[in-house]
Amino acid sequence: MARHLARLLLLGSSLLLCLLLGELGLRLWAGHPSGTGPQSVASQRFNPFRSDATLGYVLRPGWTGIHQTRDFRVRVHINGLGLRGHPLEQRKPSGTLRIAILGDSYTFGFGVEDRDAFPALLERLLSRPERPVEVLNFDVPGYSTDHYWILLQQRVQRLSPDLLIVATCSNDLPDLAWNQLDLDPARLPLRTQSTLRMIDYRGRMRYLEGSALGLPGLLASPPAWLVDHSQLFNSARLRAAKVWLRLRGAERRAAAGEPPRGPIQQLTAAEIQRGLRSGPGFQLRYHRYLMAAIARRARALGLPLRRIHVGPGRGPLQEDCQRLGAECLSAESLFDLQHDPELFLPDQHWRAQAHRRLARAAARWLEPLLAGIAGPAVGARGQPPSPSVSPDP
């Protein structure tokens, strides 16, 4: 008996040692031992990401590097708060207005320098000597409406913004279908994990051959601690997801069926997940449900909300923007792919000229609103409401 116990202890110790050595090896090989530290500018890899148990992936605080493709070569900085752009303090400086922008790769500034991205340009255009403005670039490539809700709940309000802008994009709808959601009783996301995008041990985004049925078990809902702390686990999860999707073959393309009917708050989490995979009709319904929740939460925080529709192309989100009137600015009204091809990269992301055009229009649009924000209120907005205020529908 003692001999068997000793063998089990030896086996367990050996396995643990192998796992620790594997974790250490991946961290050293990736070139960022802490998993969140700065990356050398000499590296040509665009690897600013790390896996995250709540949002699927986030930007690594302190990352600096070069983003290079056949179409551009730009320098990218992620500050200590995990936002693209210059360094910022978590505590808002006295007398400063803060604008938080939630969006995806368009407003992140995919393919342009830090200084040429729309949020950075907007900050410079709106700042005055007597009224400094900081624009917080919460935009991350691949994010969609579920991410915006979670960010508002967990990160945005901690930085005490005075104005919230949500930049919707046409691909927000199909992106919802690729995300595995954990929902609260109000059917709002608590966390989201992509079945299309995963982060490898180097911090690079990898695209999977997406599954219309989602990922199973630990692949879809991994332990939070392992996702946040183990590169070995995330690397193994990425490889396992690829194998699982490949083995499922045609089955993973099975139709999700008809979208569920009835009020969203009365549907089960499984019905909502199936509905998101059923097509654009239910995706639009849930997107609007999330945007309504964001609007309620912003009101509860005393936070003015404005929207920008960045495109590309026309569709229901463009129509939603038009219905909002002065509360929404449409990039489609400023330029489009057909008439202004020189403003776009081959993948339809904006070149620096397009960012400048949108920033100038947005500055004119926002200036009266900022002028109306009373000085004494600066620094008080964006604080969490009392527990009696509920964001539930």
Protein backbone atom coordinates (compact mmCIF):
# COMPACT_ATOMS: atom_id res chain seq x y z
CA MET A 1 0.00 0.00 0.00
CA ALA A 2 2.76 2.41 0.96
CA ARG A 3 4.60 1.52 -2.26
CA HIS A 4 1.53 2.37 -4.39
CA LEU A 5 1.04 5.63 -2.51
CA ALA A 6 4.67 6.56 -3.07
CA ARG A 7 4.30 5.84 -6.79
CA LEU A 8 1.18 8.01 -6.99
CA LEU A 9 2.96 10.85 -5.21
CA LEU A 10 5.93 10.51 -7.55
CA LEU A 11 3.66 10.48 -10.58
CA GLY A 12 1.74 13.52 -9.34
CA SER A 13 4.93 15.40 -8.55
CA SER A 14 6.37 14.58 -11.96
CA LEU A 15 3.20 15.73 -13.71
CA LEU A 16 3.14 18.97 -11.73
CA LEU A 17 6.81 19.59 -12.52
CA CYS A 18 6.16 19.02 -16.24
CA LEU A 19 3.25 21.46 -16.19
CA LEU A 20 5.31 24.09 -14.40
CA LEU A 21 8.20 23.64 -16.82
CA GLY A 22 5.80 23.86 -19.77
CA GLU A 23 4.29 27.08 -18.42
CA LEU A 24 7.72 28.59 -17.82
CA GLY A 25 8.93 27.53 -21.26
CA LEU A 26 5.97 29.13 -23.02
CA ARG A 27 6.40 32.38 -21.11
CA LEU A 28 10.09 32.55 -21.95
CA TRP A 29 9.48 31.62 -25.58
CA ALA A 30 6.72 34.21 -25.92
CA GLY A 31 9.09 36.94 -24.80
CA HIS A 32 6.91 38.36 -22.01
CA PRO A 33 7.58 36.42 -18.79
CA SER A 34 4.82 38.09 -16.77
CA GLY A 35 2.21 37.56 -19.48
CA THR A 36 1.35 41.27 -19.35
CA GLY A 37 4.67 43.10 -19.64
CA PRO A 38 5.97 45.33 -22.42
CA GLN A 39 6.93 43.91 -25.77
CA SER A 40 9.98 45.08 -27.72
CA VAL A 41 9.31 47.45 -30.59
CA ALA A 42 11.78 45.39 -32.58
CA SER A 43 9.23 42.60 -32.69
CA GLN A 44 7.21 42.59 -35.90
CA ARG A 45 4.46 40.49 -34.32
CA PHE A 46 1.15 42.15 -33.60
CA ASN A 47 0.54 40.38 -30.32
CA PRO A 48 -1.07 42.92 -27.97
CA PHE A 49 -3.69 40.52 -26.58
CA ARG A 50 -4.07 38.23 -23.61
CA SER A 51 -6.85 35.79 -22.77
CA ASP A 52 -9.43 36.97 -20.28
CA ALA A 53 -12.01 34.91 -18.41
CA THR A 54 -14.72 37.59 -18.62
CA LEU A 55 -14.25 39.20 -22.05
CA GLY A 56 -12.52 36.38 -23.92
CA TYR A 57 -9.48 38.54 -24.54
CA VAL A 58 -8.25 42.04 -23.69
CA LEU A 59 -5.32 44.29 -24.58
CA ARG A 60 -2.15 43.75 -22.54
CA PRO A 61 -1.30 46.80 -20.40
CA GLY A 62 2.08 48.29 -21.31
CA TRP A 63 2.39 46.57 -24.70
CA THR A 64 4.31 48.38 -27.44
CA GLY A 65 4.99 46.97 -30.89
CA ILE A 66 4.68 47.19 -34.65
CA HIS A 67 1.57 46.19 -36.57
CA GLN A 68 2.66 45.36 -40.10
CA THR A 69 0.79 43.87 -43.05
CA ARG A 70 1.13 44.17 -46.83
CA ASP A 71 -0.87 47.41 -46.64
CA PHE A 72 0.59 49.30 -43.67
CA ARG A 73 3.25 49.44 -40.97
CA VAL A 74 2.28 51.34 -37.82
CA ARG A 75 3.41 51.59 -34.21
CA VAL A 76 0.90 50.67 -31.49
CA HIS A 77 1.06 51.52 -27.77
CA ILE A 78 -1.21 50.09 -25.08
CA ASN A 79 -1.07 52.15 -21.90
CA GLY A 80 -1.04 50.93 -18.31
CA LEU A 81 -4.85 50.89 -18.18
CA GLY A 82 -5.01 48.51 -21.14
CA LEU A 83 -6.25 51.19 -23.56
CA ARG A 84 -4.64 52.21 -26.82
CA GLY A 85 -2.89 55.58 -26.64
CA HIS A 86 -0.83 57.74 -24.33
CA PRO A 87 -0.47 57.05 -20.58
CA LEU A 88 -3.44 57.91 -18.38
CA GLU A 89 -4.01 57.91 -14.64
CA GLN A 90 -6.94 55.92 -13.31
CA ARG A 91 -8.00 58.89 -11.20
CA LYS A 92 -9.39 61.68 -13.38
CA PRO A 93 -7.51 64.98 -13.06
CA SER A 94 -9.52 67.82 -11.55
CA GLY A 95 -11.27 69.97 -14.14
CA THR A 96 -10.81 67.41 -16.93
CA LEU A 97 -13.63 66.00 -19.02
CA ARG A 98 -13.43 62.33 -19.89
CA ILE A 99 -15.11 60.67 -22.87
CA ALA A 100 -15.24 56.87 -22.96
CA ILE A 101 -15.59 55.22 -26.38
CA LEU A 102 -16.68 51.59 -26.74
CA GLY A 103 -16.11 50.02 -30.15
CA ASP A 104 -14.15 47.56 -32.25
CA SER A 105 -11.23 47.69 -34.68
CA TYR A 106 -12.54 50.74 -36.56
CA THR A 107 -12.36 53.12 -33.62
CA PHE A 108 -9.37 51.26 -32.18
CA GLY A 109 -7.51 52.57 -35.20
CA PHE A 110 -6.66 49.35 -37.06
CA GLY A 111 -3.96 50.22 -39.58
CA VAL A 112 -3.12 53.76 -38.43
CA GLU A 113 -0.68 55.29 -35.96
CA ASP A 114 -1.77 56.03 -32.38
CA ARG A 115 -1.98 59.77 -33.05
CA ASP A 116 -4.10 59.22 -36.19
CA ALA A 117 -6.77 57.03 -34.57
CA PHE A 118 -10.18 58.67 -34.21
CA PRO A 119 -10.18 58.81 -30.35
CA ALA A 120 -6.76 60.49 -30.25
CA LEU A 121 -7.78 63.02 -32.90
CA LEU A 122 -11.05 63.74 -31.10
CA GLU A 123 -9.17 64.38 -27.85
CA ARG A 124 -6.94 66.98 -29.49
CA LEU A 125 -9.84 68.69 -31.27
CA LEU A 126 -12.01 69.00 -28.15
CA SER A 127 -9.35 69.98 -25.60
CA ARG A 128 -9.14 73.61 -24.49
CA PRO A 129 -6.64 75.23 -22.09
CA GLU A 130 -9.52 75.93 -19.71
CA ARG A 131 -11.13 72.52 -20.34
CA PRO A 132 -8.81 69.58 -20.93
CA VAL A 133 -10.42 66.52 -22.47
CA GLU A 134 -9.27 62.90 -22.22
CA VAL A 135 -10.75 60.37 -24.64
CA LEU A 136 -10.55 56.81 -23.27
CA ASN A 137 -10.13 54.37 -26.15
CA PHE A 138 -11.82 51.20 -24.86
CA ASP A 139 -12.03 49.89 -28.43
CA VAL A 140 -10.66 46.39 -29.10
CA PRO A 141 -10.59 44.55 -32.45
CA GLY A 142 -13.33 41.95 -32.62
CA TYR A 143 -15.49 43.31 -29.80
CA SER A 144 -19.28 43.49 -30.15
CA THR A 145 -22.31 44.65 -28.16
CA ASP A 146 -21.96 42.00 -25.43
CA HIS A 147 -18.43 43.25 -24.76
CA TYR A 148 -19.66 46.85 -24.56
CA TRP A 149 -22.18 45.96 -21.86
CA ILE A 150 -19.62 44.07 -19.78
CA LEU A 151 -17.04 46.85 -20.17
CA LEU A 152 -19.53 49.45 -19.00
CA GLN A 153 -20.38 47.35 -15.97
CA GLN A 154 -16.87 46.41 -14.95
CA ARG A 155 -14.33 48.94 -16.26
CA VAL A 156 -15.72 52.12 -17.75
CA GLN A 157 -17.46 53.56 -14.71
CA ARG A 158 -14.32 53.11 -12.58
CA LEU A 159 -12.58 55.80 -14.66
CA SER A 160 -15.34 58.38 -14.01
CA PRO A 161 -16.22 59.42 -17.59
CA ASP A 162 -18.45 62.42 -18.27
CA LEU A 163 -19.73 61.14 -21.62
CA LEU A 164 -20.17 57.67 -23.10
CA ILE A 165 -19.99 56.93 -26.83
CA VAL A 166 -20.85 53.54 -28.27
CA ALA A 167 -19.50 53.04 -31.80
CA THR A 168 -21.65 50.38 -33.43
CA CYS A 169 -20.45 48.50 -36.49
CA SER A 170 -22.31 46.34 -38.99
CA ASN A 171 -20.32 43.27 -37.95
CA ASP A 172 -21.52 43.60 -34.33
CA LEU A 173 -24.52 41.45 -35.29
CA PRO A 174 -22.75 38.40 -36.80
CA ASP A 175 -20.05 38.62 -34.12
CA LEU A 176 -22.71 37.97 -31.48
CA ALA A 177 -23.32 34.57 -33.08
CA TRP A 178 -19.71 33.50 -32.46
CA ASN A 179 -19.75 34.27 -28.74
CA GLN A 180 -20.62 31.86 -25.96
CA LEU A 181 -22.47 33.91 -23.33
CA ASP A 182 -23.04 33.43 -19.62
CA LEU A 183 -26.20 35.41 -18.80
CA ASP A 184 -27.64 36.86 -15.61
CA PRO A 185 -31.37 36.55 -14.69
CA ALA A 186 -32.12 39.63 -16.81
CA ARG A 187 -30.55 37.83 -19.80
CA LEU A 188 -27.61 40.25 -19.92
CA PRO A 189 -24.04 38.95 -20.38
CA LEU A 190 -21.90 38.25 -17.34
CA ARG A 191 -19.06 36.97 -19.51
CA THR A 192 -18.41 36.16 -23.15
CA GLN A 193 -16.02 33.73 -24.82
CA SER A 194 -15.46 33.75 -28.57
CA THR A 195 -15.67 30.54 -30.59
CA LEU A 196 -14.10 32.35 -33.54
CA ARG A 197 -11.13 34.19 -32.01
CA MET A 198 -8.68 32.88 -29.44
CA ILE A 199 -5.33 34.18 -28.22
CA ASP A 200 -2.19 32.05 -28.49
CA TYR A 201 0.66 31.98 -25.98
CA ARG A 202 2.46 34.80 -27.81
CA GLY A 203 -0.50 37.15 -27.50
CA ARG A 204 -1.57 36.87 -31.14
CA MET A 205 -5.18 36.55 -32.24
CA ARG A 206 -5.95 33.27 -33.97
CA TYR A 207 -9.09 32.60 -35.99
CA LEU A 208 -10.81 29.24 -35.63
CA GLU A 209 -12.99 27.53 -38.18
CA GLY A 210 -16.09 28.72 -36.40
CA SER A 211 -18.79 26.43 -35.05
CA ALA A 212 -22.47 27.18 -35.52
CA LEU A 213 -23.10 25.09 -32.40
CA GLY A 214 -20.45 26.63 -30.16
CA LEU A 215 -17.71 24.88 -28.22
CA PRO A 216 -18.29 22.25 -25.53
CA GLY A 217 -17.46 22.15 -21.84
CA LEU A 218 -14.13 23.61 -20.75
CA LEU A 219 -13.50 24.99 -24.23
CA ALA A 220 -16.54 27.27 -24.01
CA SER A 221 -16.53 27.99 -20.26
CA PRO A 222 -12.97 27.52 -19.00
CA PRO A 223 -11.94 28.09 -15.36
CA ALA A 224 -11.42 31.82 -14.90
CA TRP A 225 -8.17 31.52 -12.94
CA LEU A 226 -6.51 29.37 -15.59
CA VAL A 227 -7.56 31.69 -18.42
CA ASP A 228 -6.19 34.73 -16.61
CA HIS A 229 -2.93 33.16 -15.39
CA SER A 230 -1.83 30.17 -17.48
CA GLN A 231 -0.42 30.48 -20.98
CA LEU A 232 -0.04 26.70 -21.09
CA PHE A 233 -3.77 26.22 -20.50
CA ASN A 234 -4.71 28.84 -23.10
CA SER A 235 -2.38 27.28 -25.66
CA ALA A 236 -3.81 23.81 -25.00
CA ARG A 237 -7.35 25.20 -25.18
CA LEU A 238 -6.67 26.82 -28.55
CA ARG A 239 -5.28 23.58 -29.98
CA ALA A 240 -8.09 21.48 -28.53
CA ALA A 241 -10.71 23.84 -30.00
CA LYS A 242 -9.14 23.52 -33.46
CA VAL A 243 -9.12 19.72 -33.22
CA TRP A 244 -12.70 19.58 -31.95
CA LEU A 245 -14.00 21.85 -34.71
CA ARG A 246 -12.15 19.85 -37.35
CA LEU A 247 -13.56 16.53 -36.09
CA ARG A 248 -17.13 17.78 -35.97
CA GLY A 249 -17.11 18.22 -39.74
CA ALA A 250 -20.44 19.07 -41.33
CA GLU A 251 -22.29 18.59 -38.04
CA ARG A 252 -21.03 21.90 -36.70
CA ARG A 253 -22.78 23.63 -39.62
CA ALA A 254 -26.16 22.25 -38.59
CA ALA A 255 -28.88 24.87 -38.73
CA ALA A 256 -29.87 26.43 -35.43
CA GLY A 257 -33.52 26.30 -36.44
CA GLU A 258 -36.13 29.01 -36.21
CA PRO A 259 -35.36 31.90 -33.86
CA PRO A 260 -37.16 31.76 -30.50
CA ARG A 261 -40.21 33.93 -30.03
CA GLY A 262 -41.37 35.99 -27.10
CA PRO A 263 -39.73 38.68 -24.94
CA ILE A 264 -36.00 38.15 -24.56
CA GLN A 265 -36.14 38.41 -20.77
CA GLN A 266 -38.52 35.42 -20.76
CA LEU A 267 -36.29 33.19 -22.90
CA THR A 268 -33.85 30.72 -21.45
CA ALA A 269 -30.12 31.23 -21.85
CA ALA A 270 -30.01 28.24 -24.21
CA GLU A 271 -32.79 29.72 -26.36
CA ILE A 272 -30.94 33.03 -26.62
CA GLN A 273 -27.72 31.28 -27.59
CA ARG A 274 -29.55 29.29 -30.26
CA GLY A 275 -31.34 32.41 -31.43
CA LEU A 276 -28.07 34.26 -31.96
CA ARG A 277 -26.95 31.44 -34.25
CA SER A 278 -30.24 31.37 -36.13
CA GLY A 279 -29.53 34.46 -38.20
CA PRO A 280 -29.53 38.27 -38.36
CA GLY A 281 -33.13 38.72 -37.23
CA PHE A 282 -32.57 37.55 -33.67
CA GLN A 283 -29.07 39.01 -33.59
CA LEU A 284 -30.59 42.43 -34.23
CA ARG A 285 -33.21 41.87 -31.51
CA TYR A 286 -30.56 40.99 -28.94
CA HIS A 287 -28.26 43.82 -30.04
CA ARG A 288 -31.11 46.29 -29.46
CA TYR A 289 -31.86 44.65 -26.12
CA LEU A 290 -28.23 45.18 -25.07
CA MET A 291 -28.17 48.77 -26.33
CA ALA A 292 -31.33 49.50 -24.33
CA ALA A 293 -29.63 48.08 -21.22
CA ILE A 294 -26.55 50.23 -21.88
CA ALA A 295 -28.77 53.31 -22.19
CA ARG A 296 -30.51 52.52 -18.87
CA ARG A 297 -27.20 51.95 -17.14
CA ALA A 298 -25.80 55.21 -18.50
CA ARG A 299 -28.86 57.08 -17.19
CA ALA A 300 -28.43 55.44 -13.79
CA LEU A 301 -24.84 56.68 -13.74
CA GLY A 302 -25.87 60.20 -14.80
CA LEU A 303 -23.82 59.64 -17.94
CA PRO A 304 -24.88 61.18 -21.29
CA LEU A 305 -24.88 58.56 -24.05
CA ARG A 306 -24.22 59.16 -27.73
CA ARG A 307 -23.74 56.70 -30.57
CA ILE A 308 -21.64 56.64 -33.70
CA HIS A 309 -22.37 54.17 -36.46
CA VAL A 310 -19.07 53.41 -38.15
CA GLY A 311 -20.33 51.06 -40.88
CA PRO A 312 -19.25 49.72 -43.27
CA GLY A 313 -22.29 49.54 -45.51
CA ARG A 314 -25.93 50.29 -44.88
CA GLY A 315 -28.25 48.12 -42.84
CA PRO A 316 -30.46 47.99 -39.72
CA LEU A 317 -27.85 49.57 -37.44
CA GLN A 318 -27.55 52.49 -39.84
CA GLU A 319 -31.34 52.81 -39.71
CA ASP A 320 -31.23 52.73 -35.89
CA CYS A 321 -28.73 55.59 -36.00
CA GLN A 322 -30.97 57.64 -38.27
CA ARG A 323 -33.94 57.14 -35.92
CA LEU A 324 -31.89 58.51 -33.01
CA GLY A 325 -31.45 61.81 -34.84
CA ALA A 326 -28.99 64.18 -33.14
CA GLU A 327 -27.97 61.51 -30.61
CA CYS A 328 -26.20 59.44 -33.29
CA LEU A 329 -23.55 60.37 -35.85
CA SER A 330 -23.28 58.21 -38.95
CA ALA A 331 -19.89 57.74 -40.58
CA GLU A 332 -21.80 56.64 -43.68
CA SER A 333 -22.98 60.22 -44.08
CA LEU A 334 -19.34 61.38 -44.24
CA PHE A 335 -17.80 58.88 -46.63
CA ASP A 336 -18.49 55.54 -48.26
CA LEU A 337 -16.51 52.87 -50.02
CA GLN A 338 -18.04 53.55 -53.43
CA HIS A 339 -17.38 57.30 -53.58
CA ASP A 340 -14.26 57.62 -51.42
CA PRO A 341 -12.14 54.50 -52.08
CA GLU A 342 -8.90 56.34 -51.22
CA LEU A 343 -10.10 56.62 -47.59
CA PHE A 344 -10.16 52.86 -47.06
CA LEU A 345 -7.67 50.04 -46.68
CA PRO A 346 -8.30 46.95 -48.84
CA ASP A 347 -10.13 45.28 -45.91
CA GLN A 348 -12.39 48.39 -45.61
CA HIS A 349 -10.81 49.71 -42.42
CA TRP A 350 -10.23 53.47 -42.45
CA ARG A 351 -7.04 55.18 -43.49
CA ALA A 352 -5.82 58.20 -41.51
CA GLN A 353 -7.74 60.62 -43.77
CA ALA A 354 -11.05 58.96 -42.87
CA HIS A 355 -10.24 59.09 -39.15
CA ARG A 356 -9.56 62.82 -39.51
CA ARG A 357 -12.81 63.44 -41.35
CA LEU A 358 -14.86 61.61 -38.73
CA ALA A 359 -13.02 63.29 -35.84
CA ARG A 360 -13.72 66.78 -37.21
CA ALA A 361 -17.42 66.00 -37.65
CA ALA A 362 -17.63 64.38 -34.20
CA ALA A 363 -15.94 67.37 -32.54
CA ARG A 364 -18.50 69.76 -34.04
CA TRP A 365 -21.29 67.40 -33.00
CA LEU A 366 -20.11 66.99 -29.41
CA GLU A 367 -18.93 70.52 -28.60
CA PRO A 368 -22.37 71.89 -27.57
CA LEU A 369 -22.92 68.85 -25.33
CA LEU A 370 -19.55 69.26 -23.61
CA ALA A 371 -20.10 72.99 -23.18
CA GLY A 372 -23.33 72.17 -21.37
CA ILE A 373 -21.69 69.90 -18.83
CA ALA A 374 -21.37 72.04 -15.72
CA GLY A 375 -17.86 72.49 -14.32
CA PRO A 376 -18.69 71.31 -10.78
CA ALA A 377 -20.11 68.10 -12.22
CA VAL A 378 -16.78 67.14 -13.76
CA GLY A 379 -15.29 64.49 -11.54
CA ALA A 380 -18.64 63.49 -10.06
CA ARG A 381 -20.08 61.80 -13.12
CA GLY A 382 -19.59 58.14 -13.80
CA GLN A 383 -19.64 57.10 -10.14
CA PRO A 384 -21.54 53.87 -9.46
CA PRO A 385 -25.18 54.37 -8.41
CA SER A 386 -26.54 53.21 -5.11
CA PRO A 387 -27.35 49.49 -4.86
CA SER A 388 -31.05 50.32 -5.17
CA VAL A 389 -30.57 51.26 -8.83
CA SER A 390 -30.96 48.23 -11.06
CA PRO A 391 -29.99 47.96 -14.73
CA ASP A 392 -32.40 45.07 -15.27
CA PRO A 393 -35.19 45.45 -17.81
